Protein backbone atom coordinates (compact mmCIF):
# COMPACT_ATOMS: atom_id res chain seq x y z
CA MET A 1 5.85 -23.52 12.97
CA ARG A 2 9.39 -24.77 12.94
CA SER A 3 10.50 -28.15 14.23
CA THR A 4 12.87 -26.29 16.55
CA ASP A 5 10.04 -24.43 18.31
CA PRO A 6 9.46 -25.49 21.92
CA ILE A 7 6.71 -28.04 22.56
CA THR A 8 4.68 -25.35 24.29
CA SER A 9 4.39 -23.50 20.97
CA PHE A 10 2.93 -26.61 19.35
CA GLU A 11 0.54 -27.08 22.29
CA ALA A 12 -0.58 -23.45 22.10
CA ALA A 13 -1.16 -23.72 18.35
CA GLU A 14 -3.27 -26.85 18.84
CA ALA A 15 -5.30 -25.24 21.63
CA ILE A 16 -6.17 -22.19 19.51
CA LYS A 17 -7.39 -24.15 16.44
CA PRO A 18 -11.05 -24.19 17.55
CA VAL A 19 -10.94 -20.38 17.84
CA PHE A 20 -9.58 -20.09 14.29
CA SER A 21 -12.38 -22.30 13.05
CA GLN A 22 -15.00 -20.26 14.92
CA HIS A 23 -13.57 -17.01 13.53
CA HIS A 24 -13.64 -18.46 10.00
CA LYS A 25 -17.32 -19.33 10.47
CA ILE A 26 -18.20 -15.89 11.84
CA ILE A 27 -16.38 -14.08 9.02
CA LEU A 28 -17.85 -16.32 6.32
CA GLU A 29 -21.40 -15.82 7.63
CA CYS A 30 -20.85 -12.05 7.77
CA LEU A 31 -19.71 -11.92 4.13
CA GLN A 32 -22.59 -14.17 3.06
CA GLU A 33 -25.11 -11.92 4.80
CA TYR A 34 -23.70 -8.46 4.02
CA GLY A 35 -21.68 -9.00 0.84
CA ALA A 36 -18.16 -7.82 0.09
CA LEU A 37 -16.46 -5.93 2.91
CA GLY A 38 -13.09 -4.77 4.12
CA LYS A 39 -11.40 -5.93 7.31
CA ASP A 40 -12.82 -3.10 9.41
CA GLY A 41 -16.33 -3.60 8.04
CA ILE A 42 -16.19 -7.28 8.97
CA ALA A 43 -14.82 -6.46 12.42
CA GLY A 44 -17.58 -3.93 13.06
CA LEU A 45 -20.37 -6.30 12.09
CA THR A 46 -19.00 -9.33 13.95
CA ASN A 47 -17.56 -7.80 17.12
CA LEU A 48 -14.23 -9.48 16.33
CA ASP A 49 -11.10 -7.39 16.77
CA SER A 50 -9.81 -6.06 13.44
CA ASN A 51 -6.46 -7.79 14.09
CA GLN A 52 -8.26 -11.12 14.55
CA VAL A 53 -10.09 -10.55 11.27
CA ALA A 54 -6.91 -9.56 9.43
CA ARG A 55 -5.16 -12.77 10.51
CA ARG A 56 -8.06 -14.97 9.47
CA LEU A 57 -8.64 -13.39 6.04
CA ASN A 58 -5.44 -14.66 4.45
CA GLU A 59 -5.94 -18.11 6.00
CA MET A 60 -9.43 -18.21 4.55
CA LYS A 61 -8.15 -17.12 1.14
CA ILE A 62 -5.54 -19.88 1.13
CA ILE A 63 -8.15 -22.57 1.86
CA GLY A 64 -10.49 -21.14 -0.77
CA LEU A 65 -13.34 -19.79 1.37
CA ILE A 66 -12.98 -16.15 0.37
CA ASN A 67 -11.16 -14.04 -2.20
CA LEU A 68 -10.17 -10.47 -2.89
CA THR A 69 -12.61 -8.56 -5.09
CA GLY A 70 -9.91 -6.31 -6.54
CA ASN A 71 -11.69 -3.30 -5.03
CA THR A 72 -10.73 -1.20 -2.04
CA VAL A 73 -12.91 0.32 0.66
CA ARG A 74 -12.21 2.93 3.33
CA SER A 75 -10.93 1.60 6.64
CA ASN A 76 -11.94 3.11 9.98
CA SER A 77 -8.79 5.26 9.80
CA GLY A 78 -9.75 6.57 6.33
CA ARG A 79 -7.13 4.56 4.45
CA ASN A 80 -7.87 2.19 1.60
CA GLU A 81 -8.09 -1.47 2.53
CA ARG A 82 -8.72 -4.53 0.41
CA GLU A 83 -12.26 -5.80 -0.05
CA TRP A 84 -13.08 -9.48 0.48
CA ASP A 85 -16.00 -11.65 -0.62
CA VAL A 86 -17.13 -15.25 -0.47
CA THR A 87 -15.61 -17.49 -3.12
CA LEU A 88 -18.23 -18.79 -5.52
CA PRO A 89 -18.54 -22.57 -5.57
CA THR A 90 -17.44 -23.93 -8.95
CA ASP A 91 -20.98 -25.03 -9.78
CA LYS A 92 -22.24 -21.46 -9.13
CA ALA A 93 -19.44 -19.62 -10.94
CA PRO A 94 -20.46 -17.73 -14.07
CA HIS A 95 -19.67 -19.54 -17.31
CA CYS A 96 -17.87 -17.69 -20.10
């Protein structure tokens, strides 16, 4: 957000934070249980809207909870979409 945004924008952003956190938890648990999935796969298994999932995925990538696998999967519309998976903790990562 910008410092020039009205105070109501800041208040709305603060009020929605618990929802973001809950969505992160739901998405993370889905990927842990079912493995790598695309946005639509996550949405279908969690009952979250695919737009909600799409917004959370990049946030979760930035904070290091999930990552892109480099693979694509078919979306509900038949297009390719990126596949996401849980980021391995550094102590569980494979050693080269």
